[in-house]
Amino acid sequence: MSRVSWRIGYSEATQFDPIDLEEKIQRIISEAKQEFLEQQVVSLSEKMDKLKEEWSPVITKNFTNKVVDLSPVQQSVLFIVL
């Protein structure tokens, strides 16, 4: 899972093109949306297994999925909350 981080700063001395800025923001949103949609093909259990593997040097996590019949979007939202 990639992480997106950005900072937009403005001071009176800074010259910027508001149209260029808007295009850059739209591109970031579009890329984030595409990444989110691509993640919908991965099940909640698979995401949790990967999370467990990535964090195993730091924490021990036990995950039991007792929720059934969640849509892929619901699974992704639940994963974000977890």
Protein backbone atom coordinates (compact mmCIF):
# COMPACT_ATOMS: atom_id res chain seq x y z
CA MET A 1 0.00 0.00 0.00
CA SER A 2 1.48 3.31 -0.93
CA ARG A 3 1.22 6.41 1.15
CA VAL A 4 0.49 9.81 -0.36
CA SER A 5 1.70 12.90 1.40
CA TRP A 6 1.71 16.45 0.10
CA ARG A 7 1.94 19.99 1.30
CA ILE A 8 0.71 23.11 -0.38
CA GLY A 9 2.12 26.36 0.88
CA TYR A 10 1.61 29.91 -0.28
CA SER A 11 3.22 33.17 0.59
CA GLU A 12 2.84 36.53 -1.07
CA ALA A 13 6.32 36.17 -2.58
CA THR A 14 5.36 32.87 -4.20
CA GLN A 15 4.27 33.00 -7.80
CA PHE A 16 2.01 30.17 -8.91
CA ASP A 17 -0.44 29.38 -11.61
CA PRO A 18 -3.82 28.55 -10.02
CA ILE A 19 -4.80 26.50 -13.07
CA ASP A 20 -1.59 24.45 -12.80
CA LEU A 21 -2.21 23.95 -9.08
CA GLU A 22 -5.78 22.80 -9.73
CA GLU A 23 -4.56 20.34 -12.38
CA LYS A 24 -1.99 18.90 -9.97
CA ILE A 25 -4.61 18.50 -7.23
CA GLN A 26 -7.01 16.84 -9.67
CA ARG A 27 -4.24 14.43 -10.73
CA ILE A 28 -3.51 13.51 -7.09
CA ILE A 29 -7.20 12.87 -6.46
CA SER A 30 -7.50 10.81 -9.63
CA GLU A 31 -4.46 8.69 -8.72
CA ALA A 32 -5.77 8.14 -5.19
CA LYS A 33 -9.16 7.11 -6.57
CA GLN A 34 -7.55 4.67 -9.01
CA GLU A 35 -5.44 3.13 -6.24
CA PHE A 36 -8.52 2.79 -4.03
CA LEU A 37 -10.45 1.06 -6.83
CA GLU A 38 -7.55 -1.30 -7.53
CA GLN A 39 -7.54 -2.32 -3.87
CA GLN A 40 -11.15 -3.44 -4.13
CA VAL A 41 -10.04 -6.73 -5.69
CA VAL A 42 -8.12 -7.67 -2.54
CA SER A 43 -10.23 -9.27 0.19
CA LEU A 44 -10.31 -7.98 3.75
CA SER A 45 -8.61 -11.18 4.95
CA GLU A 46 -5.77 -10.72 2.45
CA LYS A 47 -5.32 -7.09 3.50
CA MET A 48 -5.23 -8.07 7.16
CA ASP A 49 -2.71 -10.86 6.47
CA LYS A 50 -0.45 -8.37 4.70
CA LEU A 51 -0.83 -5.88 7.55
CA LYS A 52 0.03 -8.60 10.07
CA GLU A 53 3.14 -9.52 8.06
CA GLU A 54 4.29 -5.91 7.66
CA TRP A 55 3.88 -5.11 11.36
CA SER A 56 5.08 -8.44 12.78
CA PRO A 57 8.43 -7.03 13.97
CA VAL A 58 6.57 -4.41 16.01
CA ILE A 59 3.24 -5.87 17.16
CA THR A 60 1.36 -9.14 17.35
CA LYS A 61 -2.07 -8.88 15.79
CA ASN A 62 -4.81 -11.47 15.90
CA PHE A 63 -7.66 -10.97 13.46
CA THR A 64 -10.87 -12.96 13.28
CA ASN A 65 -13.32 -12.01 10.58
CA LYS A 66 -16.82 -12.61 11.94
CA VAL A 67 -18.44 -10.19 9.52
CA VAL A 68 -19.98 -11.78 6.45
CA ASP A 69 -21.37 -10.51 3.19
CA LEU A 70 -19.56 -7.20 3.07
CA SER A 71 -19.17 -5.58 -0.32
CA PRO A 72 -15.61 -4.87 -1.48
CA VAL A 73 -16.07 -1.17 -0.70
CA GLN A 74 -17.37 -1.97 2.81
CA GLN A 75 -14.37 -4.24 3.36
CA SER A 76 -12.00 -1.46 2.30
CA VAL A 77 -13.65 1.06 4.60
CA LEU A 78 -13.49 -1.41 7.49
CA PHE A 79 -9.80 -2.00 6.77
CA ILE A 80 -9.14 1.75 6.81
CA VAL A 81 -10.89 2.00 10.19
CA LEU A 82 -8.89 -0.92 11.58
